[in-house]
């Protein structure tokens, strides 16, 4: 089974255009989302895709609690069904 990071990388490749990152490249887990060049609308849409993929409950307000990919991975690893 693919790791959480690998699954997120696939979602990023499908749904986000992160400045300075080529498709399939390793994710910088500690880079702040705010520095990625992703709009807030795209970020919320991405988080909803993540919620579906990992079968977790998240709402729009929850998106702000994740400053970087590592915090999202930690949340998913402890809450995914």
N, C-alpha and C. Protein backbone atom coordinates (compact mmCIF):
# COMPACT_ATOMS: atom_id res chain seq x y z
N UNK A 1 0.84 -1.18 0.00
CA UNK A 1 0.00 0.00 0.00
C UNK A 1 0.89 1.25 0.00
N UNK A 2 0.47 2.23 -0.74
CA UNK A 2 1.22 3.48 -0.84
C UNK A 2 1.18 4.24 0.48
N UNK A 3 2.27 4.93 0.78
CA UNK A 3 2.32 5.73 2.00
C UNK A 3 1.41 6.96 1.85
N UNK A 4 1.14 7.59 2.96
CA UNK A 4 0.34 8.82 2.95
C UNK A 4 1.01 9.86 2.07
N UNK A 5 2.32 10.00 2.19
CA UNK A 5 3.03 10.99 1.37
C UNK A 5 2.89 10.67 -0.11
N UNK A 6 3.01 9.41 -0.49
CA UNK A 6 2.89 9.04 -1.90
C UNK A 6 1.47 9.33 -2.42
N UNK A 7 0.49 9.01 -1.62
CA UNK A 7 -0.90 9.27 -2.03
C UNK A 7 -1.15 10.77 -2.16
N UNK A 8 -0.59 11.56 -1.23
CA UNK A 8 -0.75 13.01 -1.33
C UNK A 8 -0.03 13.57 -2.54
N UNK A 9 1.14 13.04 -2.84
CA UNK A 9 1.88 13.50 -4.02
C UNK A 9 1.05 13.27 -5.28
N UNK A 10 0.39 12.13 -5.36
CA UNK A 10 -0.47 11.85 -6.51
C UNK A 10 -1.63 12.85 -6.58
N UNK A 11 -2.22 13.18 -5.43
CA UNK A 11 -3.30 14.16 -5.42
C UNK A 11 -2.79 15.54 -5.81
N UNK A 12 -1.61 15.90 -5.32
CA UNK A 12 -1.02 17.19 -5.70
C UNK A 12 -0.80 17.23 -7.20
N UNK A 13 -0.25 16.16 -7.76
CA UNK A 13 0.01 16.10 -9.19
C UNK A 13 -1.29 16.26 -10.00
N UNK A 14 -2.37 15.69 -9.51
CA UNK A 14 -3.65 15.74 -10.22
C UNK A 14 -4.36 17.08 -10.06
N UNK A 15 -4.25 17.69 -8.87
CA UNK A 15 -5.14 18.79 -8.54
C UNK A 15 -4.48 20.14 -8.25
N UNK A 16 -3.17 20.18 -8.12
CA UNK A 16 -2.52 21.44 -7.77
C UNK A 16 -1.33 21.73 -8.67
N UNK A 17 -1.07 23.00 -8.85
CA UNK A 17 0.14 23.45 -9.55
C UNK A 17 0.96 24.22 -8.51
N UNK A 18 1.92 23.53 -7.91
CA UNK A 18 2.75 24.13 -6.88
C UNK A 18 3.96 24.78 -7.54
N UNK A 19 4.17 26.07 -7.26
CA UNK A 19 5.29 26.79 -7.84
C UNK A 19 6.61 26.09 -7.54
N UNK A 20 7.42 25.91 -8.58
CA UNK A 20 8.76 25.35 -8.41
C UNK A 20 8.80 23.85 -8.25
N UNK A 21 7.67 23.15 -8.40
CA UNK A 21 7.65 21.70 -8.23
C UNK A 21 7.16 21.04 -9.50
N UNK A 22 7.94 20.08 -9.99
CA UNK A 22 7.53 19.33 -11.17
C UNK A 22 6.71 18.12 -10.74
N UNK A 23 5.79 17.72 -11.58
CA UNK A 23 4.94 16.56 -11.32
C UNK A 23 5.79 15.35 -10.95
N UNK A 24 5.39 14.65 -9.89
CA UNK A 24 6.10 13.45 -9.45
C UNK A 24 7.28 13.71 -8.55
N UNK A 25 7.66 14.96 -8.38
CA UNK A 25 8.81 15.30 -7.52
C UNK A 25 8.46 15.07 -6.05
N UNK A 26 9.46 14.86 -5.26
CA UNK A 26 9.27 14.72 -3.82
C UNK A 26 8.67 15.99 -3.26
N UNK A 27 7.77 15.84 -2.31
CA UNK A 27 7.15 16.99 -1.67
C UNK A 27 8.07 17.54 -0.58
N UNK A 28 8.16 18.86 -0.48
CA UNK A 28 8.85 19.49 0.64
C UNK A 28 7.82 19.53 1.77
N UNK A 29 7.92 18.59 2.69
CA UNK A 29 6.90 18.41 3.72
C UNK A 29 6.78 19.57 4.69
N UNK A 30 7.85 20.34 4.83
CA UNK A 30 7.83 21.44 5.80
C UNK A 30 7.64 22.81 5.17
N UNK A 31 7.51 22.87 3.86
CA UNK A 31 7.29 24.15 3.20
C UNK A 31 5.89 24.66 3.53
N UNK A 32 5.79 25.90 3.95
CA UNK A 32 4.47 26.46 4.26
C UNK A 32 3.59 26.50 3.02
N UNK A 33 2.33 26.09 3.19
CA UNK A 33 1.38 26.16 2.08
C UNK A 33 1.30 27.58 1.54
N UNK A 34 1.42 28.56 2.41
CA UNK A 34 1.32 29.96 1.99
C UNK A 34 2.40 30.34 0.98
N UNK A 35 3.53 29.62 0.99
CA UNK A 35 4.63 29.92 0.07
C UNK A 35 4.56 29.13 -1.24
N UNK A 36 3.51 28.34 -1.42
CA UNK A 36 3.44 27.45 -2.58
C UNK A 36 2.82 28.08 -3.82
N UNK A 37 2.24 29.26 -3.67
CA UNK A 37 1.61 29.92 -4.80
C UNK A 37 0.23 29.38 -5.12
N UNK A 38 -0.34 28.62 -4.21
CA UNK A 38 -1.67 28.03 -4.40
C UNK A 38 -2.71 29.00 -3.86
N UNK A 39 -3.75 29.25 -4.64
CA UNK A 39 -4.82 30.14 -4.18
C UNK A 39 -5.61 29.45 -3.07
N UNK A 40 -6.29 30.24 -2.27
CA UNK A 40 -7.08 29.67 -1.18
C UNK A 40 -8.21 28.81 -1.72
N UNK A 41 -8.78 29.19 -2.85
CA UNK A 41 -9.84 28.39 -3.47
C UNK A 41 -9.28 27.03 -3.90
N UNK A 42 -8.11 27.02 -4.53
CA UNK A 42 -7.49 25.76 -4.95
C UNK A 42 -7.12 24.91 -3.74
N UNK A 43 -6.67 25.55 -2.67
CA UNK A 43 -6.29 24.82 -1.46
C UNK A 43 -7.51 24.13 -0.84
N UNK A 44 -8.62 24.84 -0.77
CA UNK A 44 -9.84 24.25 -0.20
C UNK A 44 -10.31 23.09 -1.08
N UNK A 45 -10.31 23.28 -2.38
CA UNK A 45 -10.70 22.22 -3.30
C UNK A 45 -9.80 21.00 -3.13
N UNK A 46 -8.49 21.24 -2.99
CA UNK A 46 -7.55 20.15 -2.78
C UNK A 46 -7.85 19.41 -1.48
N UNK A 47 -8.13 20.15 -0.42
CA UNK A 47 -8.42 19.52 0.87
C UNK A 47 -9.67 18.66 0.79
N UNK A 48 -10.64 19.07 0.00
CA UNK A 48 -11.84 18.25 -0.16
C UNK A 48 -11.51 16.96 -0.92
N UNK A 49 -10.60 17.03 -1.87
CA UNK A 49 -10.13 15.82 -2.56
C UNK A 49 -9.39 14.91 -1.60
N UNK A 50 -8.58 15.50 -0.74
CA UNK A 50 -7.85 14.73 0.28
C UNK A 50 -8.85 14.03 1.20
N UNK A 51 -9.87 14.74 1.63
CA UNK A 51 -10.88 14.17 2.52
C UNK A 51 -11.55 12.95 1.88
N UNK A 52 -11.86 13.06 0.59
CA UNK A 52 -12.47 11.93 -0.12
C UNK A 52 -11.50 10.76 -0.22
N UNK A 53 -10.27 11.05 -0.62
CA UNK A 53 -9.27 10.00 -0.83
C UNK A 53 -8.98 9.23 0.46
N UNK A 54 -8.91 9.95 1.58
CA UNK A 54 -8.52 9.32 2.85
C UNK A 54 -9.72 9.02 3.75
N UNK A 55 -10.92 9.31 3.25
CA UNK A 55 -12.15 9.03 3.99
C UNK A 55 -12.12 9.64 5.39
N UNK A 56 -11.83 10.94 5.43
CA UNK A 56 -11.85 11.69 6.68
C UNK A 56 -12.83 12.85 6.54
N UNK A 57 -13.34 13.30 7.65
CA UNK A 57 -14.25 14.44 7.66
C UNK A 57 -13.43 15.71 7.82
N UNK A 58 -13.63 16.64 6.88
CA UNK A 58 -12.99 17.95 6.98
C UNK A 58 -13.97 18.97 6.40
N UNK A 59 -13.94 20.17 6.99
CA UNK A 59 -14.74 21.25 6.41
C UNK A 59 -13.79 22.38 6.03
N UNK A 60 -14.34 23.41 5.43
CA UNK A 60 -13.52 24.52 4.94
C UNK A 60 -12.66 25.11 6.05
N UNK A 61 -13.20 25.26 7.24
CA UNK A 61 -12.46 25.83 8.36
C UNK A 61 -11.27 24.98 8.79
N UNK A 62 -11.37 23.68 8.58
CA UNK A 62 -10.27 22.78 8.97
C UNK A 62 -9.01 23.01 8.13
N UNK A 63 -9.19 23.50 6.92
CA UNK A 63 -8.05 23.66 6.00
C UNK A 63 -6.97 24.56 6.58
N UNK A 64 -7.36 25.56 7.34
CA UNK A 64 -6.40 26.51 7.88
C UNK A 64 -5.52 25.91 8.99
N UNK A 65 -5.90 24.77 9.52
CA UNK A 65 -5.13 24.18 10.62
C UNK A 65 -3.84 23.50 10.15
N UNK A 66 -3.66 23.38 8.83
CA UNK A 66 -2.49 22.69 8.30
C UNK A 66 -1.54 23.69 7.67
N UNK A 67 -0.46 24.05 8.37
CA UNK A 67 0.48 25.03 7.82
C UNK A 67 1.38 24.46 6.73
N UNK A 68 1.53 23.12 6.71
CA UNK A 68 2.40 22.49 5.72
C UNK A 68 1.95 21.06 5.48
N UNK A 69 2.58 20.40 4.52
CA UNK A 69 2.19 19.04 4.16
C UNK A 69 2.42 18.06 5.30
N UNK A 70 3.48 18.26 6.08
CA UNK A 70 3.75 17.33 7.19
C UNK A 70 2.61 17.35 8.20
N UNK A 71 2.07 18.52 8.50
CA UNK A 71 0.95 18.58 9.45
C UNK A 71 -0.28 17.88 8.88
N UNK A 72 -0.49 17.96 7.58
CA UNK A 72 -1.59 17.25 6.93
C UNK A 72 -1.36 15.74 6.98
N UNK A 73 -0.14 15.30 6.71
CA UNK A 73 0.19 13.88 6.79
C UNK A 73 -0.04 13.36 8.20
N UNK A 74 0.41 14.10 9.20
CA UNK A 74 0.22 13.68 10.59
C UNK A 74 -1.26 13.52 10.91
N UNK A 75 -2.07 14.48 10.47
CA UNK A 75 -3.52 14.41 10.69
C UNK A 75 -4.11 13.18 10.00
N UNK A 76 -3.74 12.97 8.76
CA UNK A 76 -4.28 11.83 8.01
C UNK A 76 -3.86 10.50 8.62
N UNK A 77 -2.60 10.40 9.02
CA UNK A 77 -2.13 9.16 9.62
C UNK A 77 -2.85 8.82 10.92
N UNK A 78 -3.28 9.85 11.65
CA UNK A 78 -3.96 9.59 12.92
C UNK A 78 -5.47 9.53 12.79
N UNK A 79 -6.04 9.95 11.64
CA UNK A 79 -7.50 10.00 11.51
C UNK A 79 -8.09 9.24 10.33
N UNK A 80 -7.27 8.78 9.43
CA UNK A 80 -7.81 8.10 8.24
C UNK A 80 -8.48 6.79 8.62
N UNK A 81 -9.56 6.52 7.90
CA UNK A 81 -10.32 5.29 8.19
C UNK A 81 -9.87 4.18 7.42
